Amino acid sequence: MTTTIPHWFDNKPFSGTSGNTAPVTNPASGAVKGEVALASVEDARAVIDAAAAAFPAWRDTSLAKRTQIIFKFRELLNERKGELAEIITSEHGKVVSDALGEVSRGQEVVEFACGIAHLLKGGMTENASTNVDVSSLRQPVGPVGIISPFNFPAMVPMWFFPIAIAAGNTVVLKPSEKDPTAAIWMAELWAEAGLPAGVFNVLQGDKTSVDELLTNPAVKAISFVGSTPIAQYVYATGTAHGKRVQALGGAKNHAIVLPDADLDLAADAMVNAGFGSAGERCMAISALVAVGDIADELVAKIKDRTDTLKIGDGTRDSDMGPLVTKVHRDKVASYIDAGENDGATIVVDGRQVQADGGADGFWLGPTLIDHVTTDMSVYTDEIFGPVLSVIRVESYDEALELINSGPFGNGTAIFTNDGGAARRFQNEVEVGMVGINVPIPVPMAYYSFGGWKNSLFGDTHAHGAEGVHFFTRGKVVTTRWLDPSHGGLNLGFPQNN
């Protein structure tokens, strides 16, 4: 019998009333491993209502108690993160070591949230006016919704919910229906850590669930990660219904390699950043910009390394696993077809891969495409797969213009041994996260994660101090205790004196 993956609220599973489900597959075998419940509007409202009901008590729970529970969650996660990694591999397809890395990066935000007390401190001014004190507070916004993508079913939710919960909010997490089990596993862990019922909830589903989160007046804020068109929709709909929204969108990340760079280091980095997690990362490098006369040598080095990669089931001795669904695999393959038809050179062809996995798995190997031009769809579109395109340019200025003229601004990197060029690049490039000889510049939890241009809708990035700011709102209290000298009527505007 197939397993039904439920919703979660009030610290227990909830199967829902709609009766609608969607299949969840193991990408390495193509087999259906379960059915995820798809919420009706009534189901979604039941989960949201649980979060709303739990908010007043959680808001008023002491900061010390909240922190103790987050510490406990951190300890449980650290002890059992291997379980979560195996779940991720079974539904997403990434290799177990990569899944473990995902969990560990998410855990960094949990650890950051353990220190929330320092970041929630307000300010106080004594005797701002005669016998008048003024203080500032940061308070939770209320129930918040998190809409997360398939590619990081643990890490991306953990960008948001540890900080939201630590700050005193309640959470409704809507995971991707492609790999929904990680969210339930984390909900169970929160319950084991002692989190009160209704503080962390999971709403499974599709657009019905998303739209209820975006329009329900009980939900005060939305955090989203996904494609740019959906990010635009989430931002427009959520803000139209009075919510604060941070909507992180798509990417087309470029890496510039200058002629003075260490080409062996750059080749290693391009393989790692282009093909890790089968390219299903918003920070993956998909466009390699080779400057000057280094392209032939660099492409050869990348090909040599790519040819050594083992493609197969993520639970085996593999470097790269399958893509998440057959539909997505076929879409990515169609871009390779288009690049070939447009005249690009297919140096390594992932369509020919012989994978160590099920015959019905969603396999597509690493693909290296040279002589790509900026009018080809393989360059213009976010492919979200293991496809690395090489664009040849003559100068740094031409390379920079490629990045700055594009619609996205999520991540980028430059490879060089010239400190002046690197410093100029970090100043001039119009991108939110920049790597210098670092191919995937994902910031630590105490810095913020977020892009520019069509890679972010809203003005607040994820985690770090910006995350704390997003999940709290300011309040200023002006206090004067009874003083007979300030009695009597005075209809004038208050003045400081």
Protein backbone atom coordinates (compact mmCIF):
# COMPACT_ATOMS: atom_id res chain seq x y z
CA MET A 1 0.00 0.00 0.00
CA THR A 2 1.22 3.50 -0.77
CA THR A 3 1.76 5.86 2.13
CA THR A 4 -0.41 8.96 2.47
CA ILE A 5 1.61 12.02 3.47
CA PRO A 6 -0.67 14.21 5.60
CA HIS A 7 -0.95 17.78 6.79
CA TRP A 8 0.11 18.63 10.35
CA PHE A 9 -1.48 20.89 12.94
CA ASP A 10 -1.99 20.90 16.71
CA ASN A 11 1.07 18.62 16.88
CA LYS A 12 -0.60 15.74 15.08
CA PRO A 13 -1.13 14.57 11.50
CA PHE A 14 -4.30 15.58 9.68
CA SER A 15 -5.41 13.71 6.56
CA GLY A 16 -7.72 16.45 5.34
CA THR A 17 -11.21 16.30 3.94
CA SER A 18 -10.69 16.90 0.23
CA GLY A 19 -9.78 13.34 -0.67
CA ASN A 20 -7.47 14.65 -3.36
CA THR A 21 -3.87 13.48 -3.53
CA ALA A 22 -0.84 13.69 -5.80
CA PRO A 23 1.83 11.03 -6.34
CA VAL A 24 5.28 11.39 -4.79
CA THR A 25 7.98 9.50 -6.70
CA ASN A 26 11.46 8.24 -6.05
CA PRO A 27 13.37 9.92 -8.91
CA ALA A 28 16.04 7.21 -8.97
CA SER A 29 13.54 4.45 -9.71
CA GLY A 30 10.53 6.28 -11.09
CA ALA A 31 8.34 4.39 -8.63
CA VAL A 32 5.53 6.05 -6.70
CA LYS A 33 6.47 5.96 -3.01
CA GLY A 34 3.47 7.76 -1.59
CA GLU A 35 0.53 10.06 -2.11
CA VAL A 36 0.49 13.54 -0.64
CA ALA A 37 -2.77 15.07 0.55
CA LEU A 38 -3.91 18.11 -1.42
CA ALA A 39 -5.77 20.54 0.80
CA SER A 40 -9.19 21.94 0.11
CA VAL A 41 -9.91 25.53 1.13
CA GLU A 42 -11.53 24.15 4.28
CA ASP A 43 -8.41 22.10 5.08
CA ALA A 44 -6.18 25.12 4.58
CA ARG A 45 -8.35 27.25 6.84
CA ALA A 46 -8.28 24.59 9.55
CA VAL A 47 -4.47 24.60 9.56
CA ILE A 48 -4.28 28.40 9.48
CA ASP A 49 -6.85 28.65 12.27
CA ALA A 50 -4.67 26.40 14.43
CA ALA A 51 -1.72 28.75 13.93
CA ALA A 52 -3.88 31.77 14.71
CA ALA A 53 -5.26 30.18 17.88
CA ALA A 54 -1.77 29.30 19.14
CA PHE A 55 -0.28 32.74 18.49
CA PRO A 56 -1.31 34.69 21.62
CA ALA A 57 0.09 32.12 24.04
CA TRP A 58 3.31 31.65 22.05
CA ARG A 59 3.79 35.41 21.71
CA ASP A 60 3.53 35.70 25.48
CA THR A 61 5.81 32.74 26.19
CA SER A 62 9.02 33.97 27.76
CA LEU A 63 12.03 34.43 25.54
CA ALA A 64 13.96 32.08 27.82
CA LYS A 65 11.40 29.29 27.31
CA ARG A 66 11.28 29.81 23.56
CA THR A 67 15.05 29.64 23.35
CA GLN A 68 15.17 26.41 25.36
CA ILE A 69 12.81 24.73 22.90
CA ILE A 70 14.85 25.90 19.91
CA PHE A 71 18.02 24.56 21.57
CA LYS A 72 16.27 21.22 22.04
CA PHE A 73 15.19 21.17 18.39
CA ARG A 74 18.77 21.89 17.39
CA GLU A 75 20.08 18.99 19.46
CA LEU A 76 17.51 16.55 18.09
CA LEU A 77 18.21 17.69 14.53
CA ASN A 78 21.93 17.25 15.01
CA GLU A 79 21.48 13.74 16.39
CA ARG A 80 19.13 12.56 13.66
CA LYS A 81 19.90 14.63 10.58
CA GLY A 82 20.91 11.46 8.74
CA GLU A 83 17.25 10.40 8.80
CA LEU A 84 16.20 13.68 7.23
CA ALA A 85 18.92 13.41 4.56
CA GLU A 86 17.67 9.96 3.54
CA ILE A 87 14.12 11.29 3.21
CA ILE A 88 15.34 14.13 1.00
CA THR A 89 17.28 11.73 -1.24
CA SER A 90 14.30 9.39 -1.59
CA GLU A 91 12.01 12.17 -2.87
CA HIS A 92 14.30 14.78 -4.44
CA GLY A 93 17.03 12.49 -5.78
CA LYS A 94 20.15 14.39 -4.67
CA VAL A 95 22.93 12.21 -3.27
CA VAL A 96 22.91 11.63 0.49
CA SER A 97 26.08 13.63 1.10
CA ASP A 98 24.51 16.61 -0.64
CA ALA A 99 21.31 16.16 1.37
CA LEU A 100 23.37 16.12 4.57
CA GLY A 101 24.98 19.37 3.48
CA GLU A 102 21.54 20.87 2.93
CA VAL A 103 20.44 19.92 6.44
CA SER A 104 23.65 21.28 7.95
CA ARG A 105 23.24 24.65 6.22
CA GLY A 106 19.67 24.83 7.48
CA GLN A 107 20.86 23.94 10.96
CA GLU A 108 23.08 27.03 10.90
CA VAL A 109 19.91 29.14 10.92
CA VAL A 110 18.52 27.12 13.83
CA GLU A 111 21.74 27.86 15.72
CA PHE A 112 21.47 31.54 14.77
CA ALA A 113 17.93 31.58 16.16
CA CYS A 114 19.20 30.20 19.47
CA GLY A 115 20.75 33.64 19.99
CA ILE A 116 17.57 35.54 19.13
CA ALA A 117 17.42 37.23 22.55
CA HIS A 118 20.29 39.54 21.65
CA LEU A 119 18.60 40.52 18.37
CA LEU A 120 15.21 41.25 19.94
CA LYS A 121 16.56 43.77 22.42
CA GLY A 122 14.89 47.16 22.20
CA GLY A 123 16.21 50.55 23.17
CA MET A 124 15.36 52.91 26.01
CA THR A 125 15.88 56.64 26.57
CA GLU A 126 15.36 57.93 30.09
CA ASN A 127 14.00 61.44 30.61
CA ALA A 128 13.61 62.17 26.90
CA SER A 129 11.33 64.96 28.05
CA THR A 130 10.82 65.97 31.65
CA ASN A 131 9.98 62.75 33.52
CA VAL A 132 9.12 61.09 30.19
CA ASP A 133 10.84 57.88 29.12
CA VAL A 134 10.77 56.44 25.58
CA SER A 135 11.45 52.79 24.74
CA SER A 136 11.35 50.70 21.56
CA LEU A 137 10.24 47.08 21.17
CA ARG A 138 10.35 44.42 18.46
CA GLN A 139 7.26 42.22 18.56
CA PRO A 140 6.13 39.23 16.44
CA VAL A 141 3.82 39.88 13.51
CA GLY A 142 1.51 36.87 14.04
CA PRO A 143 0.88 33.69 12.03
CA VAL A 144 3.22 33.54 9.02
CA GLY A 145 3.21 31.40 5.88
CA ILE A 146 6.28 29.77 4.30
CA ILE A 147 5.98 28.49 0.73
CA SER A 148 9.07 26.47 -0.13
CA PRO A 149 10.40 24.85 -3.34
CA PHE A 150 11.25 21.24 -4.17
CA ASN A 151 15.00 21.68 -4.52
CA PHE A 152 15.75 22.25 -0.82
CA PRO A 153 12.86 20.71 1.17
CA ALA A 154 14.70 21.15 4.50
CA MET A 155 17.16 24.03 4.10
CA VAL A 156 14.86 26.62 2.57
CA PRO A 157 12.11 26.23 5.22
CA MET A 158 14.86 26.45 7.84
CA TRP A 159 15.91 29.80 6.39
CA PHE A 160 12.65 31.13 7.80
CA PHE A 161 10.88 29.12 10.50
CA PRO A 162 13.59 29.07 13.21
CA ILE A 163 13.71 32.87 13.25
CA ALA A 164 9.94 33.24 12.94
CA ILE A 165 9.32 30.86 15.85
CA ALA A 166 12.09 32.30 18.02
CA ALA A 167 10.65 35.78 17.54
CA GLY A 168 7.25 34.60 18.82
CA ASN A 169 5.33 33.94 15.59
CA THR A 170 3.43 30.81 14.64
CA VAL A 171 4.14 29.14 11.29
CA VAL A 172 2.29 27.40 8.47
CA LEU A 173 4.74 25.69 6.12
CA LYS A 174 3.53 24.79 2.62
CA PRO A 175 6.18 22.46 1.17
CA SER A 176 6.46 21.38 -2.45
CA GLU A 177 4.12 18.53 -3.29
CA LYS A 178 7.06 16.86 -5.07
CA ASP A 179 8.95 16.12 -1.82
CA PRO A 180 6.65 16.81 1.14
CA THR A 181 7.80 14.27 3.74
CA ALA A 182 10.73 16.32 5.09
CA ALA A 183 8.27 18.92 6.37
CA ILE A 184 6.32 16.32 8.36
CA TRP A 185 9.55 14.90 9.79
CA MET A 186 10.55 18.36 11.00
CA ALA A 187 7.08 18.94 12.46
CA GLU A 188 7.40 15.72 14.47
CA LEU A 189 10.81 16.87 15.68
CA TRP A 190 9.39 20.18 16.86
CA ALA A 191 6.72 18.34 18.83
CA GLU A 192 9.39 16.14 20.40
CA ALA A 193 11.37 19.26 21.31
CA GLY A 194 8.39 20.56 23.27
CA LEU A 195 6.98 23.16 20.90
CA PRO A 196 3.35 23.84 21.85
CA ALA A 197 0.59 22.66 19.55
CA GLY A 198 -0.26 25.04 16.73
CA VAL A 199 3.08 26.87 16.64
CA PHE A 200 4.51 24.86 13.72
CA ASN A 201 2.05 23.52 11.15
CA VAL A 202 2.32 21.91 7.72
CA LEU A 203 -0.19 22.54 4.95
CA GLN A 204 0.25 20.22 1.98
CA GLY A 205 -1.21 21.02 -1.39
CA ASP A 206 -1.08 22.98 -4.60
CA LYS A 207 -2.33 26.39 -5.72
CA THR A 208 -5.42 26.11 -3.51
CA SER A 209 -3.22 26.02 -0.41
CA VAL A 210 -0.97 28.82 -1.68
CA ASP A 211 -3.88 31.11 -2.49
CA GLU A 212 -5.46 30.62 0.93
CA LEU A 213 -2.17 31.56 2.60
CA LEU A 214 -1.92 34.65 0.39
CA THR A 215 -5.47 35.87 1.01
CA ASN A 216 -6.43 34.65 4.50
CA PRO A 217 -6.47 37.67 6.84
CA ALA A 218 -5.12 35.62 9.75
CA VAL A 219 -1.76 35.23 7.94
CA LYS A 220 0.35 38.33 8.45
CA ALA A 221 3.50 37.59 6.43
CA ILE A 222 4.64 35.32 3.60
CA SER A 223 8.11 33.96 2.82
CA PHE A 224 8.47 32.36 -0.61
CA VAL A 225 11.23 30.79 -2.69
CA GLY A 226 10.63 29.61 -6.25
CA SER A 227 10.55 30.71 -9.88
CA THR A 228 10.32 34.36 -10.82
CA PRO A 229 6.81 34.23 -12.36
CA ILE A 230 5.40 32.62 -9.21
CA ALA A 231 7.40 34.98 -6.98
CA GLN A 232 5.80 37.91 -8.80
CA TYR A 233 2.35 36.37 -8.28
CA VAL A 234 3.00 35.68 -4.60
CA TYR A 235 4.29 39.20 -3.99
CA ALA A 236 1.46 40.93 -5.85
CA THR A 237 -1.28 38.82 -4.29
CA GLY A 238 0.10 38.83 -0.76
CA THR A 239 0.77 42.56 -0.61
CA ALA A 240 -2.64 43.28 -2.15
CA HIS A 241 -4.10 41.50 0.87
CA GLY A 242 -2.11 43.55 3.36
CA LYS A 243 0.72 41.13 4.09
CA ARG A 244 4.43 41.75 4.24
CA VAL A 245 6.06 39.50 1.64
CA GLN A 246 9.58 38.35 0.83
CA ALA A 247 9.47 36.45 -2.46
CA LEU A 248 12.79 35.07 -3.71
CA GLY A 249 12.65 34.29 -7.42
CA GLY A 250 14.74 32.70 -10.14
CA ALA A 251 18.31 33.05 -11.28
CA LYS A 252 20.74 32.78 -14.16
CA ASN A 253 24.03 32.81 -12.32
CA HIS A 254 27.20 33.71 -14.23
CA ALA A 255 30.78 32.95 -13.32
CA ILE A 256 33.47 35.06 -14.96
CA VAL A 257 36.89 33.47 -15.44
CA LEU A 258 39.64 35.99 -16.18
CA PRO A 259 42.82 35.05 -18.09
CA ASP A 260 44.97 35.23 -14.94
CA ALA A 261 42.81 32.76 -12.99
CA ASP A 262 43.95 29.36 -11.79
CA LEU A 263 42.20 27.30 -14.47
CA ASP A 264 42.35 24.07 -12.50
CA LEU A 265 40.61 25.74 -9.57
CA ALA A 266 38.08 27.31 -11.92
CA ALA A 267 37.39 24.00 -13.69
CA ASP A 268 36.80 22.21 -10.39
CA ALA A 269 34.49 25.01 -9.28
CA MET A 270 32.46 24.97 -12.49
CA VAL A 271 31.84 21.24 -12.25
CA ASN A 272 30.89 21.48 -8.58
CA ALA A 273 28.66 24.53 -9.00
CA GLY A 274 27.12 23.52 -12.32
CA PHE A 275 26.32 19.88 -11.66
CA GLY A 276 25.92 19.52 -7.90
CA SER A 277 22.36 18.51 -6.98
CA ALA A 278 21.81 17.97 -10.72
CA GLY A 279 21.89 21.74 -11.20
CA GLU A 280 18.66 22.10 -9.25
CA ARG A 281 19.94 24.98 -7.12
CA CYS A 282 19.01 28.65 -7.32
CA MET A 283 22.71 29.34 -6.73
CA ALA A 284 24.01 26.92 -9.38
CA ILE A 285 26.36 28.36 -11.99
CA SER A 286 24.73 27.88 -15.37
CA ALA A 287 26.64 30.44 -17.46
CA LEU A 288 30.43 30.37 -17.61
CA VAL A 289 31.88 33.54 -19.13
CA ALA A 290 35.40 32.86 -20.40
CA VAL A 291 37.39 36.04 -20.96
CA GLY A 292 40.14 36.26 -23.53
CA ASP A 293 41.95 33.26 -24.99
CA ILE A 294 41.47 30.77 -22.12
CA ALA A 295 38.21 29.18 -23.28
CA ASP A 296 39.64 26.18 -25.18
CA GLU A 297 41.88 25.14 -22.30
CA LEU A 298 39.22 25.76 -19.67
CA VAL A 299 36.53 23.84 -21.56
CA ALA A 300 38.90 20.91 -21.99
CA LYS A 301 39.64 20.84 -18.26
CA ILE A 302 35.93 20.93 -17.40
CA LYS A 303 35.21 18.13 -19.85
CA ASP A 304 37.95 15.95 -18.37
CA ARG A 305 36.49 16.37 -14.90
CA THR A 306 32.90 15.91 -16.00
CA ASP A 307 33.77 12.62 -17.70
CA THR A 308 34.83 11.19 -14.31
CA LEU A 309 31.50 11.84 -12.56
CA LYS A 310 29.36 8.90 -11.44
CA ILE A 311 25.66 9.40 -12.11
CA GLY A 312 23.24 7.20 -10.23
CA ASP A 313 21.01 6.49 -7.27
CA GLY A 314 21.77 8.97 -4.51
CA THR A 315 21.98 6.20 -1.91
CA ARG A 316 24.88 4.59 -3.78
CA ASP A 317 28.41 5.76 -4.53
CA SER A 318 27.27 8.51 -6.90
CA ASP A 319 28.35 12.09 -7.50
CA MET A 320 25.05 13.24 -8.99
CA GLY A 321 21.54 11.85 -8.85
CA PRO A 322 18.48 12.13 -11.11
CA LEU A 323 16.24 15.10 -11.71
CA VAL A 324 13.17 15.46 -9.54
CA THR A 325 10.45 14.40 -12.02
CA LYS A 326 10.22 12.98 -15.52
CA VAL A 327 8.47 16.14 -16.72
CA HIS A 328 11.32 18.28 -15.45
CA ARG A 329 13.93 15.90 -16.88
CA ASP A 330 12.34 16.12 -20.32
CA LYS A 331 12.09 19.91 -20.13
CA VAL A 332 15.79 20.24 -19.34
CA ALA A 333 16.67 17.85 -22.17
CA SER A 334 14.65 20.00 -24.57
CA TYR A 335 16.99 22.92 -23.85
CA ILE A 336 19.96 20.79 -24.88
CA ASP A 337 18.11 19.96 -28.10
CA ALA A 338 17.45 23.66 -28.68
CA GLY A 339 21.07 24.64 -28.05
CA GLU A 340 22.27 22.03 -30.51
CA ASN A 341 19.75 23.19 -33.13
CA ASP A 342 20.83 26.81 -32.59
CA GLY A 343 24.44 25.95 -33.46
CA ALA A 344 26.08 25.59 -30.05
CA THR A 345 28.66 22.82 -29.52
CA ILE A 346 27.63 19.98 -27.22
CA VAL A 347 30.93 19.08 -25.56
CA VAL A 348 29.46 16.70 -22.97
CA ASP A 349 25.99 15.31 -23.73
CA GLY A 350 23.94 14.35 -20.70
CA ARG A 351 21.25 12.83 -22.88
CA GLN A 352 23.56 9.85 -23.41
CA VAL A 353 24.11 9.11 -19.72
CA GLN A 354 24.35 5.53 -18.44
CA ALA A 355 23.23 5.84 -14.85
CA ASP A 356 23.66 3.48 -11.93
CA GLY A 357 20.00 3.39 -11.05
CA GLY A 358 16.55 2.25 -12.06
CA ALA A 359 15.73 1.99 -15.72
CA ASP A 360 12.72 4.25 -15.17
CA GLY A 361 14.64 6.87 -13.18
CA PHE A 362 14.65 10.48 -14.30
CA TRP A 363 18.21 10.52 -15.59
CA LEU A 364 20.02 13.31 -17.37
CA GLY A 365 23.77 13.57 -17.08
CA PRO A 366 25.98 16.65 -16.79
CA THR A 367 25.97 18.65 -20.00
CA LEU A 368 28.62 21.11 -21.18
CA ILE A 369 27.70 23.39 -24.09
CA ASP A 370 30.29 25.65 -25.73
CA HIS A 371 30.01 28.58 -28.16
CA VAL A 372 26.70 29.68 -26.65
CA THR A 373 25.40 33.08 -27.71
CA THR A 374 23.12 35.39 -25.78
CA ASP A 375 20.14 34.91 -28.10
CA MET A 376 19.92 31.14 -27.47
CA SER A 377 17.27 29.84 -25.07
CA VAL A 378 19.93 27.75 -23.34
CA TYR A 379 21.41 31.08 -22.24
CA THR A 380 18.36 33.27 -21.71
CA ASP A 381 16.18 30.85 -19.70
CA GLU A 382 16.60 29.47 -16.20
CA ILE A 383 17.00 25.76 -17.02
CA PHE A 384 17.37 24.45 -13.45
CA GLY A 385 19.25 21.36 -14.48
CA PRO A 386 22.82 20.07 -15.02
CA VAL A 387 23.55 22.23 -18.06
CA LEU A 388 26.60 24.52 -18.11
CA SER A 389 26.83 26.99 -20.98
CA VAL A 390 30.09 28.63 -22.05
CA ILE A 391 30.00 32.16 -23.44
CA ARG A 392 33.23 33.55 -24.90
CA VAL A 393 33.99 37.27 -24.56
CA GLU A 394 37.04 39.45 -25.13
CA SER A 395 37.09 41.63 -22.02
CA TYR A 396 36.10 42.06 -18.41
CA ASP A 397 33.79 44.93 -19.37
CA GLU A 398 31.94 42.73 -21.84
CA ALA A 399 31.57 40.00 -19.23
CA LEU A 400 30.26 42.43 -16.62
CA GLU A 401 27.75 43.83 -19.07
CA LEU A 402 26.36 40.35 -19.68
CA ILE A 403 25.53 40.02 -15.99
CA ASN A 404 24.29 43.54 -15.36
CA SER A 405 22.06 43.64 -18.45
CA GLY A 406 20.29 40.40 -17.50
CA PRO A 407 16.95 40.25 -15.67
CA PHE A 408 18.26 38.26 -12.68
CA GLY A 409 20.64 39.19 -9.90
CA ASN A 410 20.81 36.26 -7.49
CA GLY A 411 24.39 34.96 -7.34
CA THR A 412 27.60 35.37 -9.30
CA ALA A 413 31.31 34.63 -9.06
CA ILE A 414 34.61 35.78 -10.50
CA PHE A 415 37.79 33.72 -10.74
CA THR A 416 40.98 35.74 -10.78
CA ASN A 417 44.29 36.30 -8.99
CA ASP A 418 43.99 40.06 -9.51
CA GLY A 419 42.80 41.74 -6.32
CA GLY A 420 42.02 44.96 -8.12
CA ALA A 421 39.79 43.22 -10.64
CA ALA A 422 38.02 41.32 -7.87
CA ARG A 423 37.41 44.49 -5.87
CA ARG A 424 36.11 46.27 -8.93
CA PHE A 425 33.78 43.37 -9.70
CA GLN A 426 32.25 43.21 -6.22
CA ASN A 427 31.53 46.93 -6.45
CA GLU A 428 30.17 47.05 -10.00
CA VAL A 429 28.19 43.85 -10.37
CA GLU A 430 24.42 44.19 -9.85
CA VAL A 431 23.89 40.95 -7.94
CA GLY A 432 22.96 40.27 -4.33
CA MET A 433 25.48 37.51 -3.53
CA VAL A 434 29.02 37.58 -4.93
CA GLY A 435 31.80 35.01 -4.81
CA ILE A 436 35.48 35.74 -5.41
CA ASN A 437 37.08 32.41 -6.29
CA VAL A 438 34.02 30.91 -4.55
CA PRO A 439 31.51 29.41 -6.98
CA ILE A 440 28.42 29.14 -4.73
CA PRO A 441 28.54 32.17 -2.42
CA VAL A 442 25.69 31.21 -0.09
CA PRO A 443 26.07 33.45 2.98
CA MET A 444 26.33 32.19 6.53
CA ALA A 445 23.17 32.38 8.63
CA TYR A 446 24.20 35.61 10.33
CA TYR A 447 24.31 37.35 6.95
CA SER A 448 21.28 37.65 4.69
CA PHE A 449 20.43 35.54 1.64
CA GLY A 450 18.82 37.26 -1.31
CA GLY A 451 19.25 38.60 -4.80
CA TRP A 452 18.54 41.75 -6.76
CA LYS A 453 16.31 42.59 -9.73
CA ASN A 454 13.92 39.76 -10.72
CA SER A 455 15.51 37.44 -8.18
CA LEU A 456 13.74 39.16 -5.27
CA PHE A 457 10.36 40.80 -4.80
CA GLY A 458 10.14 42.72 -1.56
CA ASP A 459 12.87 44.60 0.25
CA THR A 460 13.92 42.05 2.85
CA HIS A 461 16.30 39.12 2.36
CA ALA A 462 16.16 35.78 4.16
CA HIS A 463 17.71 35.02 7.57
CA GLY A 464 20.32 37.09 9.38
CA ALA A 465 19.32 40.39 10.93
CA GLU A 466 17.03 41.08 7.97
CA GLY A 467 15.11 37.92 8.77
CA VAL A 468 14.63 39.05 12.36
CA HIS A 469 13.40 42.40 11.09
CA PHE A 470 10.97 40.73 8.68
CA PHE A 471 9.35 38.56 11.35
CA THR A 472 8.98 41.39 13.87
CA ARG A 473 7.56 44.89 13.86
CA GLY A 474 8.53 47.94 15.80
CA LYS A 475 6.65 49.60 18.60
CA VAL A 476 7.64 52.73 20.52
CA VAL A 477 6.28 53.34 24.04
CA THR A 478 6.32 56.81 25.62
CA THR A 479 5.84 56.71 29.41
CA ARG A 480 5.20 59.27 32.12
CA TRP A 481 4.14 58.25 35.58
CA LEU A 482 1.79 60.52 37.48
CA ASP A 483 3.34 63.95 38.08
CA PRO A 484 1.12 66.74 39.50
CA SER A 485 3.13 69.40 37.69
CA HIS A 486 1.81 68.08 34.36
CA GLY A 487 -1.86 68.29 35.28
CA GLY A 488 -4.48 70.55 33.71
CA LEU A 489 -5.84 71.00 30.20
CA ASN A 490 -3.63 71.73 27.22
CA LEU A 491 -4.94 71.10 23.71
CA GLY A 492 -1.70 72.03 22.00
CA PHE A 493 0.49 69.47 20.25
CA PRO A 494 2.84 67.85 22.82
CA GLN A 495 6.27 69.49 22.96
CA ASN A 496 9.49 68.15 24.37
CA ASN A 497 10.83 70.20 27.24
